Amino acid sequence: MTMTIKVYEVDREGHTWLIRPEAEVVPLERPEYVHAYPACECAICAEGAS
C-alpha cells in the first residue's frame, strides 16, 4: 500500500508555501526503533551555528 505526501512551509502569519509537490511513498515494513531523534539536517545546524 502506498501513501501520498506533500511538504509545506508555514510562516508565523499562517502563509503557506509548497516545498515538495505530492509524491507517492511506500511505508517501511518495520521502522527502525531508536531512543533518540536523528540529527537535524537544516541549513542552520549543517553550518554549525548555535
PDB file of N, CA and C in Angstrom:
ATOM      1  N   MET A   1       0.836  -1.171   0.000  1.00  0.00           N
ATOM      2  CA  MET A   1       0.000   0.000   0.000  1.00  0.00           C
ATOM      3  C   MET A   1       0.887   1.243   0.000  1.00  0.00           C
ATOM      4  N   THR A   2       0.606   2.195  -0.863  1.00  0.00           N
ATOM      5  CA  THR A   2       1.374   3.434  -0.894  1.00  0.00           C
ATOM      6  C   THR A   2       0.594   4.564  -0.246  1.00  0.00           C
ATOM      7  N   MET A   3       1.310   5.585   0.140  1.00  0.00           N
ATOM      8  CA  MET A   3       0.706   6.783   0.711  1.00  0.00           C
ATOM      9  C   MET A   3       1.173   7.967  -0.125  1.00  0.00           C
ATOM     10  N   THR A   4       0.502   9.103   0.017  1.00  0.00           N
ATOM     11  CA  THR A   4       0.956  10.314  -0.652  1.00  0.00           C
ATOM     12  C   THR A   4       1.343  11.344   0.399  1.00  0.00           C
ATOM     13  N   ILE A   5       2.283  12.206   0.030  1.00  0.00           N
ATOM     14  CA  ILE A   5       2.757  13.225   0.956  1.00  0.00           C
ATOM     15  C   ILE A   5       3.053  14.506   0.182  1.00  0.00           C
ATOM     16  N   LYS A   6       2.767  15.649   0.806  1.00  0.00           N
ATOM     17  CA  LYS A   6       3.162  16.968   0.311  1.00  0.00           C
ATOM     18  C   LYS A   6       3.888  17.651   1.459  1.00  0.00           C
ATOM     19  N   VAL A   7       4.879  18.469   1.141  1.00  0.00           N
ATOM     20  CA  VAL A   7       5.619  19.179   2.173  1.00  0.00           C
ATOM     21  C   VAL A   7       5.384  20.673   2.007  1.00  0.00           C
ATOM     22  N   TYR A   8       4.949  21.312   3.095  1.00  0.00           N
ATOM     23  CA  TYR A   8       4.662  22.737   3.104  1.00  0.00           C
ATOM     24  C   TYR A   8       5.540  23.451   4.120  1.00  0.00           C
ATOM     25  N   GLU A   9       5.731  24.749   3.906  1.00  0.00           N
ATOM     26  CA  GLU A   9       6.352  25.615   4.903  1.00  0.00           C
ATOM     27  C   GLU A   9       5.292  26.630   5.309  1.00  0.00           C
ATOM     28  N   VAL A  10       5.190  26.905   6.599  1.00  0.00           N
ATOM     29  CA  VAL A  10       4.199  27.848   7.107  1.00  0.00           C
ATOM     30  C   VAL A  10       4.921  28.900   7.946  1.00  0.00           C
ATOM     31  N   ASP A  11       4.630  30.201   7.685  1.00  0.00           N
ATOM     32  CA  ASP A  11       5.249  31.255   8.491  1.00  0.00           C
ATOM     33  C   ASP A  11       4.345  31.615   9.672  1.00  0.00           C
ATOM     34  N   ARG A  12       4.788  32.553  10.478  1.00  0.00           N
ATOM     35  CA  ARG A  12       4.056  32.932  11.690  1.00  0.00           C
ATOM     36  C   ARG A  12       2.670  33.488  11.399  1.00  0.00           C
ATOM     37  N   GLU A  13       2.509  34.104  10.235  1.00  0.00           N
ATOM     38  CA  GLU A  13       1.214  34.683   9.880  1.00  0.00           C
ATOM     39  C   GLU A  13       0.267  33.664   9.256  1.00  0.00           C
ATOM     40  N   GLY A  14       0.726  32.443   9.069  1.00  0.00           N
ATOM     41  CA  GLY A  14      -0.121  31.401   8.516  1.00  0.00           C
ATOM     42  C   GLY A  14      -0.041  31.248   7.007  1.00  0.00           C
ATOM     43  N   HIS A  15       0.861  31.993   6.361  1.00  0.00           N
ATOM     44  CA  HIS A  15       1.046  31.836   4.913  1.00  0.00           C
ATOM     45  C   HIS A  15       1.765  30.519   4.638  1.00  0.00           C
ATOM     46  N   THR A  16       1.328  29.803   3.614  1.00  0.00           N
ATOM     47  CA  THR A  16       1.943  28.510   3.298  1.00  0.00           C
ATOM     48  C   THR A  16       2.573  28.526   1.916  1.00  0.00           C
ATOM     49  N   TRP A  17       3.648  27.773   1.768  1.00  0.00           N
ATOM     50  CA  TRP A  17       4.339  27.576   0.501  1.00  0.00           C
ATOM     51  C   TRP A  17       4.549  26.089   0.304  1.00  0.00           C
ATOM     52  N   LEU A  18       4.312  25.641  -0.894  1.00  0.00           N
ATOM     53  CA  LEU A  18       4.538  24.241  -1.227  1.00  0.00           C
ATOM     54  C   LEU A  18       6.030  24.035  -1.453  1.00  0.00           C
ATOM     55  N   ILE A  19       6.636  23.178  -0.662  1.00  0.00           N
ATOM     56  CA  ILE A  19       8.070  22.898  -0.770  1.00  0.00           C
ATOM     57  C   ILE A  19       8.310  21.718  -1.710  1.00  0.00           C
ATOM     58  N   ARG A  20       7.535  20.657  -1.527  1.00  0.00           N
ATOM     59  CA  ARG A  20       7.627  19.483  -2.404  1.00  0.00           C
ATOM     60  C   ARG A  20       6.218  19.106  -2.839  1.00  0.00           C
ATOM     61  N   PRO A  21       6.003  18.920  -4.147  1.00  0.00           N
ATOM     62  CA  PRO A  21       4.661  18.541  -4.610  1.00  0.00           C
ATOM     63  C   PRO A  21       4.293  17.130  -4.145  1.00  0.00           C
ATOM     64  N   GLU A  22       3.039  16.768  -4.363  1.00  0.00           N
ATOM     65  CA  GLU A  22       2.553  15.456  -3.941  1.00  0.00           C
ATOM     66  C   GLU A  22       3.381  14.343  -4.572  1.00  0.00           C
ATOM     67  N   ALA A  23       3.773  13.387  -3.746  1.00  0.00           N
ATOM     68  CA  ALA A  23       4.560  12.256  -4.221  1.00  0.00           C
ATOM     69  C   ALA A  23       4.073  10.998  -3.522  1.00  0.00           C
ATOM     70  N   GLU A  24       4.190   9.875  -4.187  1.00  0.00           N
ATOM     71  CA  GLU A  24       3.834   8.595  -3.567  1.00  0.00           C
ATOM     72  C   GLU A  24       5.035   8.057  -2.811  1.00  0.00           C
ATOM     73  N   VAL A  25       4.792   7.552  -1.634  1.00  0.00           N
ATOM     74  CA  VAL A  25       5.836   6.939  -0.815  1.00  0.00           C
ATOM     75  C   VAL A  25       5.348   5.584  -0.333  1.00  0.00           C
ATOM     76  N   VAL A  26       6.272   4.684  -0.121  1.00  0.00           N
ATOM     77  CA  VAL A  26       5.943   3.347   0.382  1.00  0.00           C
ATOM     78  C   VAL A  26       6.410   3.272   1.832  1.00  0.00           C
ATOM     79  N   PRO A  27       5.511   3.027   2.773  1.00  0.00           N
ATOM     80  CA  PRO A  27       5.915   2.940   4.178  1.00  0.00           C
ATOM     81  C   PRO A  27       6.828   1.739   4.415  1.00  0.00           C
ATOM     82  N   LEU A  28       7.667   1.857   5.432  1.00  0.00           N
ATOM     83  CA  LEU A  28       8.546   0.751   5.802  1.00  0.00           C
ATOM     84  C   LEU A  28       7.728  -0.395   6.378  1.00  0.00           C
ATOM     85  N   GLU A  29       8.167  -1.604   6.133  1.00  0.00           N
ATOM     86  CA  GLU A  29       7.506  -2.767   6.734  1.00  0.00           C
ATOM     87  C   GLU A  29       7.612  -2.712   8.251  1.00  0.00           C
ATOM     88  N   ARG A  30       8.816  -2.430   8.732  1.00  0.00           N
ATOM     89  CA  ARG A  30       9.066  -2.360  10.168  1.00  0.00           C
ATOM     90  C   ARG A  30      10.071  -1.231  10.412  1.00  0.00           C
ATOM     91  N   PRO A  31       9.625  -0.085  10.951  1.00  0.00           N
ATOM     92  CA  PRO A  31      10.539   1.033  11.183  1.00  0.00           C
ATOM     93  C   PRO A  31      11.621   0.674  12.199  1.00  0.00           C
ATOM     94  N   GLU A  32      12.774   1.306  12.050  1.00  0.00           N
ATOM     95  CA  GLU A  32      13.872   1.104  12.990  1.00  0.00           C
ATOM     96  C   GLU A  32      13.491   1.729  14.333  1.00  0.00           C
ATOM     97  N   TYR A  33      13.734   1.012  15.419  1.00  0.00           N
ATOM     98  CA  TYR A  33      13.391   1.505  16.746  1.00  0.00           C
ATOM     99  C   TYR A  33      14.636   2.110  17.377  1.00  0.00           C
ATOM    100  N   VAL A  34      14.576   3.402  17.689  1.00  0.00           N
ATOM    101  CA  VAL A  34      15.702   4.088  18.343  1.00  0.00           C
ATOM    102  C   VAL A  34      15.175   4.916  19.502  1.00  0.00           C
ATOM    103  N   HIS A  35      16.058   5.272  20.411  1.00  0.00           N
ATOM    104  CA  HIS A  35      15.683   6.050  21.586  1.00  0.00           C
ATOM    105  C   HIS A  35      16.002   7.531  21.444  1.00  0.00           C
ATOM    106  N   ALA A  36      16.431   7.973  20.279  1.00  0.00           N
ATOM    107  CA  ALA A  36      16.797   9.379  20.095  1.00  0.00           C
ATOM    108  C   ALA A  36      16.315   9.866  18.737  1.00  0.00           C
ATOM    109  N   TYR A  37      16.120  11.178  18.639  1.00  0.00           N
ATOM    110  CA  TYR A  37      15.767  11.769  17.353  1.00  0.00           C
ATOM    111  C   TYR A  37      17.004  11.779  16.454  1.00  0.00           C
ATOM    112  N   PRO A  38      16.845  11.694  15.149  1.00  0.00           N
ATOM    113  CA  PRO A  38      18.006  11.795  14.264  1.00  0.00           C
ATOM    114  C   PRO A  38      18.574  13.211  14.298  1.00  0.00           C
ATOM    115  N   ALA A  39      19.824  13.352  13.892  1.00  0.00           N
ATOM    116  CA  ALA A  39      20.457  14.665  13.862  1.00  0.00           C
ATOM    117  C   ALA A  39      19.718  15.584  12.902  1.00  0.00           C
ATOM    118  N   CYS A  40      19.619  16.853  13.268  1.00  0.00           N
ATOM    119  CA  CYS A  40      18.948  17.834  12.431  1.00  0.00           C
ATOM    120  C   CYS A  40      19.768  18.081  11.166  1.00  0.00           C
ATOM    121  N   GLU A  41      19.098  18.191  10.022  1.00  0.00           N
ATOM    122  CA  GLU A  41      19.785  18.411   8.753  1.00  0.00           C
ATOM    123  C   GLU A  41      19.451  19.774   8.158  1.00  0.00           C
ATOM    124  N   CYS A  42      18.884  20.704   8.964  1.00  0.00           N
ATOM    125  CA  CYS A  42      18.544  22.017   8.425  1.00  0.00           C
ATOM    126  C   CYS A  42      19.805  22.809   8.114  1.00  0.00           C
ATOM    127  N   ALA A  43      19.682  23.871   7.321  1.00  0.00           N
ATOM    128  CA  ALA A  43      20.830  24.671   6.902  1.00  0.00           C
ATOM    129  C   ALA A  43      21.546  25.300   8.089  1.00  0.00           C
ATOM    130  N   ILE A  44      20.804  25.733   9.103  1.00  0.00           N
ATOM    131  CA  ILE A  44      21.431  26.372  10.261  1.00  0.00           C
ATOM    132  C   ILE A  44      22.295  25.356  11.018  1.00  0.00           C
ATOM    133  N   CYS A  45      21.770  24.178  11.294  1.00  0.00           N
ATOM    134  CA  CYS A  45      22.528  23.155  12.009  1.00  0.00           C
ATOM    135  C   CYS A  45      23.678  22.610  11.169  1.00  0.00           C
ATOM    136  N   ALA A  46      23.480  22.506   9.866  1.00  0.00           N
ATOM    137  CA  ALA A  46      24.527  21.991   8.987  1.00  0.00           C
ATOM    138  C   ALA A  46      25.739  22.922   8.978  1.00  0.00           C
ATOM    139  N   GLU A  47      25.514  24.246   9.161  1.00  0.00           N
ATOM    140  CA  GLU A  47      26.616  25.204   9.190  1.00  0.00           C
ATOM    141  C   GLU A  47      27.299  25.233  10.553  1.00  0.00           C
ATOM    142  N   GLY A  48      26.710  24.605  11.550  1.00  0.00           N
ATOM    143  CA  GLY A  48      27.316  24.547  12.869  1.00  0.00           C
ATOM    144  C   GLY A  48      27.019  25.760  13.749  1.00  0.00           C
ATOM    145  N   ALA A  49      26.037  26.557  13.387  1.00  0.00           N
ATOM    146  CA  ALA A  49      25.681  27.729  14.201  1.00  0.00           C
ATOM    147  C   ALA A  49      24.973  27.277  15.472  1.00  0.00           C
ATOM    148  N   SER A  50      25.165  28.033  16.547  1.00  0.00           N
ATOM    149  CA  SER A  50      24.476  27.674  17.791  1.00  0.00           C
ATOM    150  C   SER A  50      23.575  28.772  18.270  1.00  0.00           C
TER     151      SER A  50
END
